[in-house]
PDB file of N, CA and C in Angstrom:
ATOM      1  N   MET A   1      -8.955  14.229  10.014  1.00  0.00           N
ATOM      2  CA  MET A   1      -7.514  14.197   9.825  1.00  0.00           C
ATOM      3  C   MET A   1      -7.235  13.856   8.358  1.00  0.00           C
ATOM      4  N   ARG A   2      -6.288  14.549   7.774  1.00  0.00           N
ATOM      5  CA  ARG A   2      -5.923  14.311   6.389  1.00  0.00           C
ATOM      6  C   ARG A   2      -5.136  13.011   6.250  1.00  0.00           C
ATOM      7  N   THR A   3      -5.244  12.404   5.074  1.00  0.00           N
ATOM      8  CA  THR A   3      -4.571  11.134   4.798  1.00  0.00           C
ATOM      9  C   THR A   3      -3.074  11.229   5.057  1.00  0.00           C
ATOM     10  N   ARG A   4      -2.466  12.330   4.665  1.00  0.00           N
ATOM     11  CA  ARG A   4      -1.020  12.468   4.819  1.00  0.00           C
ATOM     12  C   ARG A   4      -0.585  12.495   6.284  1.00  0.00           C
ATOM     13  N   GLN A   5      -1.503  12.818   7.174  1.00  0.00           N
ATOM     14  CA  GLN A   5      -1.164  12.924   8.591  1.00  0.00           C
ATOM     15  C   GLN A   5      -1.444  11.644   9.376  1.00  0.00           C
ATOM     16  N   LYS A   6      -2.181  10.717   8.783  1.00  0.00           N
ATOM     17  CA  LYS A   6      -2.531   9.493   9.499  1.00  0.00           C
ATOM     18  C   LYS A   6      -1.332   8.561   9.600  1.00  0.00           C
ATOM     19  N   SER A   7      -1.212   7.975  10.766  1.00  0.00           N
ATOM     20  CA  SER A   7      -0.125   7.021  11.001  1.00  0.00           C
ATOM     21  C   SER A   7      -0.683   5.604  10.884  1.00  0.00           C
ATOM     22  N   TYR A   8       0.210   4.618  10.937  1.00  0.00           N
ATOM     23  CA  TYR A   8      -0.229   3.228  10.947  1.00  0.00           C
ATOM     24  C   TYR A   8      -1.178   2.986  12.122  1.00  0.00           C
ATOM     25  N   ARG A   9      -0.863   3.578  13.240  1.00  0.00           N
ATOM     26  CA  ARG A   9      -1.676   3.417  14.447  1.00  0.00           C
ATOM     27  C   ARG A   9      -3.103   3.923  14.214  1.00  0.00           C
ATOM     28  N   ASP A  10      -3.234   5.026  13.460  1.00  0.00           N
ATOM     29  CA  ASP A  10      -4.566   5.555  13.155  1.00  0.00           C
ATOM     30  C   ASP A  10      -5.400   4.553  12.354  1.00  0.00           C
ATOM     31  N   TYR A  11      -4.743   3.721  11.578  1.00  0.00           N
ATOM     32  CA  TYR A  11      -5.429   2.688  10.801  1.00  0.00           C
ATOM     33  C   TYR A  11      -5.545   1.368  11.562  1.00  0.00           C
ATOM     34  N   GLY A  12      -5.000   1.314  12.764  1.00  0.00           N
ATOM     35  CA  GLY A  12      -5.047   0.092  13.555  1.00  0.00           C
ATOM     36  C   GLY A  12      -4.047  -0.950  13.074  1.00  0.00           C
ATOM     37  N   ILE A  13      -2.965  -0.490  12.477  1.00  0.00           N
ATOM     38  CA  ILE A  13      -1.931  -1.396  11.962  1.00  0.00           C
ATOM     39  C   ILE A  13      -0.701  -1.304  12.852  1.00  0.00           C
ATOM     40  N   GLY A  14      -0.346  -2.427  13.446  1.00  0.00           N
ATOM     41  CA  GLY A  14       0.854  -2.509  14.264  1.00  0.00           C
ATOM     42  C   GLY A  14       1.997  -3.117  13.466  1.00  0.00           C
ATOM     43  N   GLU A  15       3.104  -3.354  14.131  1.00  0.00           N
ATOM     44  CA  GLU A  15       4.283  -3.929  13.472  1.00  0.00           C
ATOM     45  C   GLU A  15       3.989  -5.292  12.861  1.00  0.00           C
ATOM     46  N   GLU A  16       3.230  -6.106  13.567  1.00  0.00           N
ATOM     47  CA  GLU A  16       2.908  -7.456  13.080  1.00  0.00           C
ATOM     48  C   GLU A  16       2.073  -7.396  11.794  1.00  0.00           C
ATOM     49  N   GLU A  17       1.092  -6.513  11.770  1.00  0.00           N
ATOM     50  CA  GLU A  17       0.247  -6.359  10.584  1.00  0.00           C
ATOM     51  C   GLU A  17       1.051  -5.815   9.403  1.00  0.00           C
ATOM     52  N   LYS A  18       1.953  -4.867   9.683  1.00  0.00           N
ATOM     53  CA  LYS A  18       2.813  -4.334   8.614  1.00  0.00           C
ATOM     54  C   LYS A  18       3.636  -5.452   7.989  1.00  0.00           C
ATOM     55  N   LYS A  19       4.212  -6.294   8.824  1.00  0.00           N
ATOM     56  CA  LYS A  19       5.018  -7.408   8.325  1.00  0.00           C
ATOM     57  C   LYS A  19       4.181  -8.332   7.448  1.00  0.00           C
ATOM     58  N   LYS A  20       2.961  -8.621   7.886  1.00  0.00           N
ATOM     59  CA  LYS A  20       2.083  -9.503   7.118  1.00  0.00           C
ATOM     60  C   LYS A  20       1.746  -8.919   5.749  1.00  0.00           C
ATOM     61  N   VAL A  21       1.483  -7.618   5.716  1.00  0.00           N
ATOM     62  CA  VAL A  21       1.159  -6.971   4.436  1.00  0.00           C
ATOM     63  C   VAL A  21       2.376  -6.985   3.520  1.00  0.00           C
ATOM     64  N   PHE A  22       3.545  -6.628   4.037  1.00  0.00           N
ATOM     65  CA  PHE A  22       4.746  -6.638   3.198  1.00  0.00           C
ATOM     66  C   PHE A  22       5.067  -8.045   2.704  1.00  0.00           C
ATOM     67  N   GLN A  23       4.897  -9.059   3.545  1.00  0.00           N
ATOM     68  CA  GLN A  23       5.131 -10.440   3.114  1.00  0.00           C
ATOM     69  C   GLN A  23       4.136 -10.844   2.038  1.00  0.00           C
ATOM     70  N   PHE A  24       2.884 -10.457   2.208  1.00  0.00           N
ATOM     71  CA  PHE A  24       1.848 -10.759   1.224  1.00  0.00           C
ATOM     72  C   PHE A  24       2.156 -10.113  -0.124  1.00  0.00           C
ATOM     73  N   CYS A  25       2.715  -8.915  -0.080  1.00  0.00           N
ATOM     74  CA  CYS A  25       2.997  -8.166  -1.310  1.00  0.00           C
ATOM     75  C   CYS A  25       4.262  -8.638  -2.033  1.00  0.00           C
ATOM     76  N   GLN A  26       5.106  -9.393  -1.357  1.00  0.00           N
ATOM     77  CA  GLN A  26       6.325  -9.901  -1.985  1.00  0.00           C
ATOM     78  C   GLN A  26       5.995 -11.146  -2.798  1.00  0.00           C
ATOM     79  N   ASN A  27       6.364 -11.160  -4.076  1.00  0.00           N
ATOM     80  CA  ASN A  27       6.110 -12.288  -4.974  1.00  0.00           C
ATOM     81  C   ASN A  27       4.658 -12.758  -4.935  1.00  0.00           C
ATOM     82  N   PRO A  28       3.721 -11.864  -5.222  1.00  0.00           N
ATOM     83  CA  PRO A  28       2.316 -12.249  -5.145  1.00  0.00           C
ATOM     84  C   PRO A  28       1.896 -13.169  -6.296  1.00  0.00           C
ATOM     85  N   SER A  29       0.943 -14.050  -6.013  1.00  0.00           N
ATOM     86  CA  SER A  29       0.360 -14.874  -7.065  1.00  0.00           C
ATOM     87  C   SER A  29      -0.578 -13.988  -7.894  1.00  0.00           C
ATOM     88  N   GLU A  30      -1.121 -14.539  -8.956  1.00  0.00           N
ATOM     89  CA  GLU A  30      -2.029 -13.761  -9.809  1.00  0.00           C
ATOM     90  C   GLU A  30      -3.251 -13.283  -9.023  1.00  0.00           C
ATOM     91  N   SER A  31      -3.824 -14.153  -8.204  1.00  0.00           N
ATOM     92  CA  SER A  31      -4.998 -13.746  -7.416  1.00  0.00           C
ATOM     93  C   SER A  31      -4.607 -12.726  -6.336  1.00  0.00           C
ATOM     94  N   ASP A  32      -3.399 -12.863  -5.779  1.00  0.00           N
ATOM     95  CA  ASP A  32      -2.914 -11.890  -4.798  1.00  0.00           C
ATOM     96  C   ASP A  32      -2.705 -10.526  -5.452  1.00  0.00           C
ATOM     97  N   ARG A  33      -2.194 -10.520  -6.676  1.00  0.00           N
ATOM     98  CA  ARG A  33      -1.997  -9.246  -7.396  1.00  0.00           C
ATOM     99  C   ARG A  33      -3.322  -8.518  -7.564  1.00  0.00           C
ATOM    100  N   LYS A  34      -4.368  -9.269  -7.861  1.00  0.00           N
ATOM    101  CA  LYS A  34      -5.689  -8.660  -8.032  1.00  0.00           C
ATOM    102  C   LYS A  34      -6.167  -8.050  -6.716  1.00  0.00           C
ATOM    103  N   ILE A  35      -5.977  -8.762  -5.624  1.00  0.00           N
ATOM    104  CA  ILE A  35      -6.362  -8.230  -4.313  1.00  0.00           C
ATOM    105  C   ILE A  35      -5.599  -6.940  -4.025  1.00  0.00           C
ATOM    106  N   ILE A  36      -4.290  -6.963  -4.273  1.00  0.00           N
ATOM    107  CA  ILE A  36      -3.445  -5.792  -4.024  1.00  0.00           C
ATOM    108  C   ILE A  36      -3.897  -4.613  -4.888  1.00  0.00           C
ATOM    109  N   MET A  37      -4.072  -4.852  -6.198  1.00  0.00           N
ATOM    110  CA  MET A  37      -4.453  -3.763  -7.103  1.00  0.00           C
ATOM    111  C   MET A  37      -5.840  -3.226  -6.795  1.00  0.00           C
ATOM    112  N   ASP A  38      -6.788  -4.095  -6.484  1.00  0.00           N
ATOM    113  CA  ASP A  38      -8.137  -3.625  -6.138  1.00  0.00           C
ATOM    114  C   ASP A  38      -8.094  -2.719  -4.917  1.00  0.00           C
ATOM    115  N   ALA A  39      -7.333  -3.117  -3.905  1.00  0.00           N
ATOM    116  CA  ALA A  39      -7.217  -2.306  -2.694  1.00  0.00           C
ATOM    117  C   ALA A  39      -6.546  -0.966  -2.991  1.00  0.00           C
ATOM    118  N   ILE A  40      -5.474  -1.010  -3.765  1.00  0.00           N
ATOM    119  CA  ILE A  40      -4.735   0.212  -4.089  1.00  0.00           C
ATOM    120  C   ILE A  40      -5.565   1.163  -4.939  1.00  0.00           C
ATOM    121  N   GLU A  41      -6.242   0.633  -5.948  1.00  0.00           N
ATOM    122  CA  GLU A  41      -7.050   1.498  -6.818  1.00  0.00           C
ATOM    123  C   GLU A  41      -8.197   2.140  -6.047  1.00  0.00           C
ATOM    124  N   HIS A  42      -8.694   1.453  -5.046  1.00  0.00           N
ATOM    125  CA  HIS A  42      -9.745   2.030  -4.210  1.00  0.00           C
ATOM    126  C   HIS A  42      -9.199   3.223  -3.405  1.00  0.00           C
ATOM    127  N   VAL A  43      -7.948   3.133  -2.993  1.00  0.00           N
ATOM    128  CA  VAL A  43      -7.323   4.189  -2.194  1.00  0.00           C
ATOM    129  C   VAL A  43      -7.006   5.419  -3.037  1.00  0.00           C
ATOM    130  N   ASN A  44      -6.333   5.223  -4.177  1.00  0.00           N
ATOM    131  CA  ASN A  44      -5.989   6.349  -5.053  1.00  0.00           C
ATOM    132  C   ASN A  44      -5.626   5.836  -6.440  1.00  0.00           C
ATOM    133  N   PRO A  45      -6.589   5.825  -7.377  1.00  0.00           N
ATOM    134  CA  PRO A  45      -6.316   5.298  -8.716  1.00  0.00           C
ATOM    135  C   PRO A  45      -5.260   6.102  -9.493  1.00  0.00           C
ATOM    136  N   GLN A  46      -5.092   7.367  -9.151  1.00  0.00           N
ATOM    137  CA  GLN A  46      -4.139   8.233  -9.853  1.00  0.00           C
ATOM    138  C   GLN A  46      -2.692   7.759  -9.687  1.00  0.00           C
ATOM    139  N   ILE A  47      -2.373   7.197  -8.535  1.00  0.00           N
ATOM    140  CA  ILE A  47      -0.996   6.759  -8.275  1.00  0.00           C
ATOM    141  C   ILE A  47      -0.926   5.257  -7.991  1.00  0.00           C
ATOM    142  N   ALA A  48      -1.944   4.519  -8.415  1.00  0.00           N
ATOM    143  CA  ALA A  48      -2.023   3.085  -8.113  1.00  0.00           C
ATOM    144  C   ALA A  48      -0.787   2.325  -8.585  1.00  0.00           C
ATOM    145  N   GLU A  49      -0.310   2.624  -9.772  1.00  0.00           N
ATOM    146  CA  GLU A  49       0.866   1.920 -10.301  1.00  0.00           C
ATOM    147  C   GLU A  49       2.088   2.142  -9.409  1.00  0.00           C
ATOM    148  N   HIS A  50       2.274   3.377  -8.974  1.00  0.00           N
ATOM    149  CA  HIS A  50       3.421   3.689  -8.113  1.00  0.00           C
ATOM    150  C   HIS A  50       3.285   3.031  -6.741  1.00  0.00           C
ATOM    151  N   LEU A  51       2.078   3.022  -6.198  1.00  0.00           N
ATOM    152  CA  LEU A  51       1.867   2.362  -4.911  1.00  0.00           C
ATOM    153  C   LEU A  51       2.126   0.863  -5.026  1.00  0.00           C
ATOM    154  N   TYR A  52       1.692   0.270  -6.129  1.00  0.00           N
ATOM    155  CA  TYR A  52       1.907  -1.163  -6.352  1.00  0.00           C
ATOM    156  C   TYR A  52       3.407  -1.480  -6.375  1.00  0.00           C
ATOM    157  N   ILE A  53       4.159  -0.690  -7.118  1.00  0.00           N
ATOM    158  CA  ILE A  53       5.609  -0.896  -7.210  1.00  0.00           C
ATOM    159  C   ILE A  53       6.262  -0.696  -5.845  1.00  0.00           C
ATOM    160  N   SER A  54       5.841   0.327  -5.134  1.00  0.00           N
ATOM    161  CA  SER A  54       6.416   0.605  -3.818  1.00  0.00           C
ATOM    162  C   SER A  54       6.191  -0.559  -2.859  1.00  0.00           C
ATOM    163  N   LEU A  55       5.001  -1.150  -2.899  1.00  0.00           N
ATOM    164  CA  LEU A  55       4.682  -2.234  -1.970  1.00  0.00           C
ATOM    165  C   LEU A  55       5.245  -3.581  -2.403  1.00  0.00           C
ATOM    166  N   THR A  56       5.224  -3.877  -3.684  1.00  0.00           N
ATOM    167  CA  THR A  56       5.674  -5.195  -4.133  1.00  0.00           C
ATOM    168  C   THR A  56       7.179  -5.272  -4.333  1.00  0.00           C
ATOM    169  N   GLU A  57       7.791  -4.162  -4.712  1.00  0.00           N
ATOM    170  CA  GLU A  57       9.236  -4.156  -4.952  1.00  0.00           C
ATOM    171  C   GLU A  57      10.001  -3.411  -3.870  1.00  0.00           C
ATOM    172  N   ARG A  58       9.265  -2.886  -2.877  1.00  0.00           N
ATOM    173  CA  ARG A  58       9.847  -2.131  -1.750  1.00  0.00           C
ATOM    174  C   ARG A  58      10.702  -0.962  -2.241  1.00  0.00           C
ATOM    175  N   LYS A  59      10.181  -0.251  -3.244  1.00  0.00           N
ATOM    176  CA  LYS A  59      10.891   0.927  -3.772  1.00  0.00           C
ATOM    177  C   LYS A  59      10.371   2.173  -3.075  1.00  0.00           C
ATOM    178  N   SER A  60      11.279   3.081  -2.818  1.00  0.00           N
ATOM    179  CA  SER A  60      10.906   4.332  -2.161  1.00  0.00           C
ATOM    180  C   SER A  60      10.377   5.334  -3.182  1.00  0.00           C
ATOM    181  N   TYR A  61       9.744   6.355  -2.673  1.00  0.00           N
ATOM    182  CA  TYR A  61       9.256   7.455  -3.510  1.00  0.00           C
ATOM    183  C   TYR A  61      10.412   8.030  -4.321  1.00  0.00           C
ATOM    184  N   GLN A  62      11.535   8.281  -3.650  1.00  0.00           N
ATOM    185  CA  GLN A  62      12.683   8.891  -4.320  1.00  0.00           C
ATOM    186  C   GLN A  62      13.227   8.023  -5.452  1.00  0.00           C
ATOM    187  N   GLU A  63      13.321   6.712  -5.219  1.00  0.00           N
ATOM    188  CA  GLU A  63      13.806   5.805  -6.266  1.00  0.00           C
ATOM    189  C   GLU A  63      12.896   5.855  -7.493  1.00  0.00           C
ATOM    190  N   MET A  64      11.595   5.830  -7.261  1.00  0.00           N
ATOM    191  CA  MET A  64      10.649   5.843  -8.376  1.00  0.00           C
ATOM    192  C   MET A  64      10.602   7.196  -9.057  1.00  0.00           C
ATOM    193  N   PHE A  65      10.703   8.274  -8.270  1.00  0.00           N
ATOM    194  CA  PHE A  65      10.629   9.622  -8.834  1.00  0.00           C
ATOM    195  C   PHE A  65      11.789   9.902  -9.786  1.00  0.00           C
ATOM    196  N   LYS A  66      12.941   9.278  -9.545  1.00  0.00           N
ATOM    197  CA  LYS A  66      14.093   9.449 -10.429  1.00  0.00           C
ATOM    198  C   LYS A  66      13.811   8.893 -11.820  1.00  0.00           C
ATOM    199  N   LYS A  67      12.936   7.878 -11.890  1.00  0.00           N
ATOM    200  CA  LYS A  67      12.648   7.222 -13.164  1.00  0.00           C
ATOM    201  C   LYS A  67      11.364   7.702 -13.818  1.00  0.00           C
ATOM    202  N   SER A  68      10.390   8.114 -13.002  1.00  0.00           N
ATOM    203  CA  SER A  68       9.135   8.607 -13.577  1.00  0.00           C
ATOM    204  C   SER A  68       8.470   9.597 -12.625  1.00  0.00           C
ATOM    205  N   TYR A  69       7.730  10.502 -13.197  1.00  0.00           N
ATOM    206  CA  TYR A  69       7.066  11.552 -12.448  1.00  0.00           C
ATOM    207  C   TYR A  69       5.946  10.959 -11.589  1.00  0.00           C
ATOM    208  N   ILE A  70       5.882  11.380 -10.342  1.00  0.00           N
ATOM    209  CA  ILE A  70       4.786  11.007  -9.447  1.00  0.00           C
ATOM    210  C   ILE A  70       4.042  12.311  -9.144  1.00  0.00           C
ATOM    211  N   PRO A  71       2.740  12.357  -9.457  1.00  0.00           N
ATOM    212  CA  PRO A  71       2.007  13.633  -9.413  1.00  0.00           C
ATOM    213  C   PRO A  71       1.618  14.158  -8.031  1.00  0.00           C
ATOM    214  N   ILE A  72       2.175  13.600  -6.968  1.00  0.00           N
ATOM    215  CA  ILE A  72       1.886  14.114  -5.629  1.00  0.00           C
ATOM    216  C   ILE A  72       3.188  14.213  -4.838  1.00  0.00           C
ATOM    217  N   PRO A  73       3.210  15.050  -3.807  1.00  0.00           N
ATOM    218  CA  PRO A  73       4.418  15.177  -2.982  1.00  0.00           C
ATOM    219  C   PRO A  73       4.703  13.896  -2.187  1.00  0.00           C
ATOM    220  N   GLU A  74       5.938  13.755  -1.764  1.00  0.00           N
ATOM    221  CA  GLU A  74       6.390  12.561  -1.054  1.00  0.00           C
ATOM    222  C   GLU A  74       5.570  12.285   0.205  1.00  0.00           C
ATOM    223  N   LYS A  75       5.293  13.303   0.990  1.00  0.00           N
ATOM    224  CA  LYS A  75       4.546  13.111   2.238  1.00  0.00           C
ATOM    225  C   LYS A  75       3.143  12.555   1.946  1.00  0.00           C
ATOM    226  N   ASP A  76       2.497  13.061   0.903  1.00  0.00           N
ATOM    227  CA  ASP A  76       1.179  12.557   0.505  1.00  0.00           C
ATOM    228  C   ASP A  76       1.285  11.115   0.013  1.00  0.00           C
ATOM    229  N   PHE A  77       2.333  10.811  -0.745  1.00  0.00           N
ATOM    230  CA  PHE A  77       2.530   9.463  -1.271  1.00  0.00           C
ATOM    231  C   PHE A  77       2.585   8.443  -0.129  1.00  0.00           C
ATOM    232  N   TYR A  78       3.383   8.734   0.879  1.00  0.00           N
ATOM    233  CA  TYR A  78       3.507   7.795   1.989  1.00  0.00           C
ATOM    234  C   TYR A  78       2.219   7.716   2.814  1.00  0.00           C
ATOM    235  N   GLY A  79       1.460   8.792   2.855  1.00  0.00           N
ATOM    236  CA  GLY A  79       0.148   8.741   3.493  1.00  0.00           C
ATOM    237  C   GLY A  79      -0.773   7.784   2.757  1.00  0.00           C
ATOM    238  N   TYR A  80      -0.768   7.852   1.433  1.00  0.00           N
ATOM    239  CA  TYR A  80      -1.579   6.933   0.640  1.00  0.00           C
ATOM    240  C   TYR A  80      -1.042   5.503   0.709  1.00  0.00           C
ATOM    241  N   ARG A  81       0.253   5.347   0.850  1.00  0.00           N
ATOM    242  CA  ARG A  81       0.803   3.995   0.983  1.00  0.00           C
ATOM    243  C   ARG A  81       0.341   3.356   2.300  1.00  0.00           C
ATOM    244  N   ARG A  82       0.331   4.131   3.369  1.00  0.00           N
ATOM    245  CA  ARG A  82      -0.173   3.609   4.651  1.00  0.00           C
ATOM    246  C   ARG A  82      -1.648   3.234   4.522  1.00  0.00           C
ATOM    247  N   LYS A  83      -2.419   4.084   3.847  1.00  0.00           N
ATOM    248  CA  LYS A  83      -3.839   3.795   3.643  1.00  0.00           C
ATOM    249  C   LYS A  83      -4.013   2.549   2.773  1.00  0.00           C
ATOM    250  N   ALA A  84      -3.169   2.389   1.762  1.00  0.00           N
ATOM    251  CA  ALA A  84      -3.222   1.211   0.902  1.00  0.00           C
ATOM    252  C   ALA A  84      -2.889  -0.046   1.696  1.00  0.00           C
ATOM    253  N   MET A  85      -1.925   0.048   2.590  1.00  0.00           N
ATOM    254  CA  MET A  85      -1.576  -1.109   3.422  1.00  0.00           C
ATOM    255  C   MET A  85      -2.756  -1.503   4.305  1.00  0.00           C
ATOM    256  N   TRP A  86      -3.475  -0.519   4.826  1.00  0.00           N
ATOM    257  CA  TRP A  86      -4.667  -0.797   5.618  1.00  0.00           C
ATOM    258  C   TRP A  86      -5.720  -1.487   4.749  1.00  0.00           C
ATOM    259  N   ALA A  87      -5.926  -0.990   3.521  1.00  0.00           N
ATOM    260  CA  ALA A  87      -6.919  -1.574   2.622  1.00  0.00           C
ATOM    261  C   ALA A  87      -6.536  -3.010   2.243  1.00  0.00           C
ATOM    262  N   ILE A  88      -5.249  -3.246   1.999  1.00  0.00           N
ATOM    263  CA  ILE A  88      -4.781  -4.600   1.669  1.00  0.00           C
ATOM    264  C   ILE A  88      -4.993  -5.523   2.866  1.00  0.00           C
ATOM    265  N   TYR A  89      -4.636  -5.059   4.038  1.00  0.00           N
ATOM    266  CA  TYR A  89      -4.818  -5.882   5.240  1.00  0.00           C
ATOM    267  C   TYR A  89      -6.297  -6.198   5.450  1.00  0.00           C
ATOM    268  N   ASP A  90      -7.147  -5.231   5.208  1.00  0.00           N
ATOM    269  CA  ASP A  90      -8.583  -5.439   5.336  1.00  0.00           C
ATOM    270  C   ASP A  90      -9.074  -6.497   4.337  1.00  0.00           C
ATOM    271  N   MET A  91      -8.580  -6.425   3.106  1.00  0.00           N
ATOM    272  CA  MET A  91      -8.931  -7.437   2.086  1.00  0.00           C
ATOM    273  C   MET A  91      -8.411  -8.809   2.501  1.00  0.00           C
ATOM    274  N   MET A  92      -7.219  -8.863   3.066  1.00  0.00           N
ATOM    275  CA  MET A  92      -6.665 -10.129   3.535  1.00  0.00           C
ATOM    276  C   MET A  92      -7.565 -10.733   4.617  1.00  0.00           C
ATOM    277  N   ARG A  93      -8.069  -9.887   5.504  1.00  0.00           N
ATOM    278  CA  ARG A  93      -8.970 -10.380   6.554  1.00  0.00           C
ATOM    279  C   ARG A  93     -10.275 -10.886   5.954  1.00  0.00           C
ATOM    280  N   LEU A  94     -10.825 -10.148   4.993  1.00  0.00           N
ATOM    281  CA  LEU A  94     -12.073 -10.549   4.367  1.00  0.00           C
ATOM    282  C   LEU A  94     -11.931 -11.875   3.617  1.00  0.00           C
ATOM    283  N   CYS A  95     -10.752 -12.121   3.063  1.00  0.00           N
ATOM    284  CA  CYS A  95     -10.492 -13.361   2.314  1.00  0.00           C
ATOM    285  C   CYS A  95     -10.049 -14.496   3.224  1.00  0.00           C
ATOM    286  N   GLY A  96      -9.953 -14.232   4.521  1.00  0.00           N
ATOM    287  CA  GLY A  96      -9.579 -15.265   5.488  1.00  0.00           C
ATOM    288  C   GLY A  96      -8.097 -15.594   5.518  1.00  0.00           C
ATOM    289  N   MET A  97      -7.265 -14.673   5.029  1.00  0.00           N
ATOM    290  CA  MET A  97      -5.817 -14.909   5.005  1.00  0.00           C
ATOM    291  C   MET A  97      -5.161 -14.588   6.347  1.00  0.00           C
ATOM    292  N   VAL A  98      -5.812 -13.750   7.145  1.00  0.00           N
ATOM    293  CA  VAL A  98      -5.339 -13.406   8.486  1.00  0.00           C
ATOM    294  C   VAL A  98      -6.549 -13.336   9.414  1.00  0.00           C
ATOM    295  N   LYS A  99      -6.278 -13.428  10.694  1.00  0.00           N
ATOM    296  CA  LYS A  99      -7.375 -13.350  11.679  1.00  0.00           C
ATOM    297  C   LYS A  99      -7.599 -11.950  12.127  1.00  0.00           C
TER     298      LYS A  99
END
């Protein structure tokens, strides 16, 4: 299955996990920023900056696209964002931040 077609469920992320990732990404500490960026760059280094902004500032593809070019279509972007959320959640588990 292509990344753009995978849902949160395909990554094993439910509503509770989504909330935890979004809370973690809001106002991150310096060490949290590193965890977030490492996870995002592993998913797609080409759009890592845009994914970081989308997750930490809760900006949509459309909001960011108005200000700067994003080199992939919107559907692909959100597919990579879901994958990035899975990678961040996985890093959170490895660091003992969630069970």
